[in-house]
Amino acid sequence: MKFLKSVIHEMKKVTWPTRKQLYRDTRVVFGTAIIFAVVLFVFDTSIKTLIQAILSLR
């Protein structure tokens, strides 16, 4: 029981983000994920094309 009381006490100290901050941070996370996905796709496609070109020279 003491543990639960201390958890509740600590949760009252937490500074929760406002709705505006939450939306902004969510957009940043999704934007960053999309950028990384595109960059990884470009690298993956480039490496795949390079390896296929090297293998076709044999």
N, C-alpha and C. Protein backbone atom coordinates (compact mmCIF):
# COMPACT_ATOMS: atom_id res chain seq x y z
N MET A 1 0.82 -1.19 0.00
CA MET A 1 0.00 0.00 0.00
C MET A 1 0.87 1.26 0.00
N LYS A 2 1.98 1.20 0.72
CA LYS A 2 2.87 2.34 0.79
C LYS A 2 3.44 2.66 -0.61
N PHE A 3 3.73 1.59 -1.35
CA PHE A 3 4.26 1.77 -2.70
C PHE A 3 3.26 2.54 -3.57
N LEU A 4 1.99 2.15 -3.54
CA LEU A 4 0.97 2.82 -4.35
C LEU A 4 0.81 4.28 -3.95
N LYS A 5 0.88 4.56 -2.69
CA LYS A 5 0.77 5.95 -2.22
C LYS A 5 1.95 6.77 -2.72
N SER A 6 3.14 6.17 -2.70
CA SER A 6 4.31 6.91 -3.18
C SER A 6 4.24 7.11 -4.70
N VAL A 7 3.69 6.14 -5.41
CA VAL A 7 3.51 6.30 -6.86
C VAL A 7 2.55 7.45 -7.14
N ILE A 8 1.44 7.49 -6.45
CA ILE A 8 0.45 8.57 -6.64
C ILE A 8 1.08 9.91 -6.30
N HIS A 9 1.86 9.96 -5.23
CA HIS A 9 2.53 11.21 -4.84
C HIS A 9 3.49 11.68 -5.93
N GLU A 10 4.27 10.75 -6.49
CA GLU A 10 5.22 11.11 -7.54
C GLU A 10 4.50 11.52 -8.83
N MET A 11 3.40 10.87 -9.15
CA MET A 11 2.66 11.21 -10.37
C MET A 11 2.07 12.62 -10.30
N LYS A 12 1.80 13.10 -9.10
CA LYS A 12 1.31 14.46 -8.95
C LYS A 12 2.40 15.49 -9.25
N LYS A 13 3.66 15.08 -9.18
CA LYS A 13 4.77 15.98 -9.46
C LYS A 13 5.08 16.08 -10.96
N VAL A 14 4.53 15.17 -11.73
CA VAL A 14 4.82 15.13 -13.17
C VAL A 14 4.21 16.34 -13.86
N THR A 15 4.98 16.95 -14.75
CA THR A 15 4.48 18.06 -15.56
C THR A 15 4.01 17.47 -16.89
N TRP A 16 2.72 17.45 -17.10
CA TRP A 16 2.15 16.87 -18.30
C TRP A 16 2.14 17.90 -19.42
N PRO A 17 2.35 17.48 -20.68
CA PRO A 17 2.35 18.44 -21.79
C PRO A 17 0.92 18.94 -22.08
N THR A 18 0.86 20.13 -22.63
CA THR A 18 -0.44 20.65 -23.04
C THR A 18 -0.85 19.96 -24.34
N ARG A 19 -2.09 20.12 -24.72
CA ARG A 19 -2.58 19.50 -25.96
C ARG A 19 -1.79 20.02 -27.16
N LYS A 20 -1.48 21.31 -27.15
CA LYS A 20 -0.72 21.90 -28.25
C LYS A 20 0.69 21.29 -28.34
N GLN A 21 1.35 21.15 -27.20
CA GLN A 21 2.68 20.55 -27.18
C GLN A 21 2.63 19.10 -27.64
N LEU A 22 1.60 18.39 -27.21
CA LEU A 22 1.45 16.99 -27.58
C LEU A 22 1.29 16.83 -29.09
N TYR A 23 0.45 17.65 -29.71
CA TYR A 23 0.27 17.59 -31.16
C TYR A 23 1.57 17.94 -31.88
N ARG A 24 2.26 18.97 -31.41
CA ARG A 24 3.50 19.38 -32.05
C ARG A 24 4.55 18.27 -31.97
N ASP A 25 4.71 17.71 -30.79
CA ASP A 25 5.70 16.65 -30.61
C ASP A 25 5.34 15.40 -31.42
N THR A 26 4.05 15.10 -31.52
CA THR A 26 3.62 13.96 -32.32
C THR A 26 3.93 14.18 -33.79
N ARG A 27 3.70 15.39 -34.27
CA ARG A 27 4.03 15.70 -35.68
C ARG A 27 5.53 15.58 -35.92
N VAL A 28 6.34 16.02 -34.96
CA VAL A 28 7.79 15.91 -35.10
C VAL A 28 8.20 14.44 -35.17
N VAL A 29 7.63 13.60 -34.33
CA VAL A 29 7.97 12.18 -34.32
C VAL A 29 7.58 11.53 -35.65
N PHE A 30 6.35 11.79 -36.13
CA PHE A 30 5.92 11.20 -37.40
C PHE A 30 6.75 11.74 -38.56
N GLY A 31 7.05 13.02 -38.54
CA GLY A 31 7.86 13.61 -39.60
C GLY A 31 9.25 13.00 -39.64
N THR A 32 9.85 12.85 -38.48
CA THR A 32 11.18 12.26 -38.40
C THR A 32 11.15 10.80 -38.88
N ALA A 33 10.13 10.07 -38.49
CA ALA A 33 10.01 8.67 -38.92
C ALA A 33 9.87 8.57 -40.43
N ILE A 34 9.10 9.47 -41.03
CA ILE A 34 8.92 9.46 -42.48
C ILE A 34 10.24 9.80 -43.18
N ILE A 35 10.95 10.79 -42.67
CA ILE A 35 12.23 11.18 -43.27
C ILE A 35 13.22 10.01 -43.20
N PHE A 36 13.31 9.36 -42.05
CA PHE A 36 14.21 8.21 -41.92
C PHE A 36 13.79 7.08 -42.85
N ALA A 37 12.50 6.85 -42.99
CA ALA A 37 12.02 5.79 -43.88
C ALA A 37 12.42 6.08 -45.33
N VAL A 38 12.28 7.33 -45.74
CA VAL A 38 12.65 7.70 -47.11
C VAL A 38 14.15 7.56 -47.32
N VAL A 39 14.95 8.03 -46.37
CA VAL A 39 16.40 7.94 -46.49
C VAL A 39 16.84 6.47 -46.53
N LEU A 40 16.29 5.65 -45.65
CA LEU A 40 16.64 4.23 -45.66
C LEU A 40 16.20 3.55 -46.96
N PHE A 41 15.04 3.94 -47.49
CA PHE A 41 14.59 3.38 -48.76
C PHE A 41 15.56 3.74 -49.89
N VAL A 42 16.00 4.99 -49.92
CA VAL A 42 16.94 5.43 -50.96
C VAL A 42 18.26 4.67 -50.83
N PHE A 43 18.79 4.56 -49.61
CA PHE A 43 20.04 3.82 -49.41
C PHE A 43 19.88 2.36 -49.79
N ASP A 44 18.79 1.75 -49.38
CA ASP A 44 18.56 0.34 -49.66
C ASP A 44 18.46 0.10 -51.16
N THR A 45 17.71 0.95 -51.85
CA THR A 45 17.56 0.81 -53.29
C THR A 45 18.89 1.03 -54.01
N SER A 46 19.66 2.01 -53.55
CA SER A 46 20.96 2.29 -54.16
C SER A 46 21.92 1.12 -53.98
N ILE A 47 21.99 0.60 -52.78
CA ILE A 47 22.88 -0.53 -52.51
C ILE A 47 22.45 -1.76 -53.31
N LYS A 48 21.14 -2.00 -53.37
CA LYS A 48 20.62 -3.14 -54.13
C LYS A 48 20.99 -3.01 -55.60
N THR A 49 20.82 -1.82 -56.16
CA THR A 49 21.16 -1.59 -57.56
C THR A 49 22.66 -1.76 -57.79
N LEU A 50 23.48 -1.26 -56.89
CA LEU A 50 24.93 -1.39 -57.01
C LEU A 50 25.36 -2.86 -56.96
N ILE A 51 24.81 -3.60 -56.03
CA ILE A 51 25.17 -5.03 -55.92
C ILE A 51 24.71 -5.79 -57.15
N GLN A 52 23.52 -5.49 -57.65
CA GLN A 52 23.05 -6.17 -58.87
C GLN A 52 23.94 -5.82 -60.05
N ALA A 53 24.41 -4.58 -60.15
CA ALA A 53 25.31 -4.20 -61.23
C ALA A 53 26.64 -4.93 -61.13
N ILE A 54 27.15 -5.03 -59.91
CA ILE A 54 28.42 -5.75 -59.72
C ILE A 54 28.28 -7.22 -60.06
N LEU A 55 27.19 -7.82 -59.64
CA LEU A 55 26.99 -9.25 -59.90
C LEU A 55 26.73 -9.53 -61.37
N SER A 56 26.18 -8.59 -62.08
CA SER A 56 25.89 -8.82 -63.50
C SER A 56 27.14 -8.70 -64.36
N LEU A 57 28.23 -8.18 -63.80
CA LEU A 57 29.49 -8.07 -64.55
C LEU A 57 30.19 -9.41 -64.67
N ARG A 58 29.85 -10.34 -63.85
CA ARG A 58 30.52 -11.66 -63.86
C ARG A 58 30.22 -12.40 -65.10
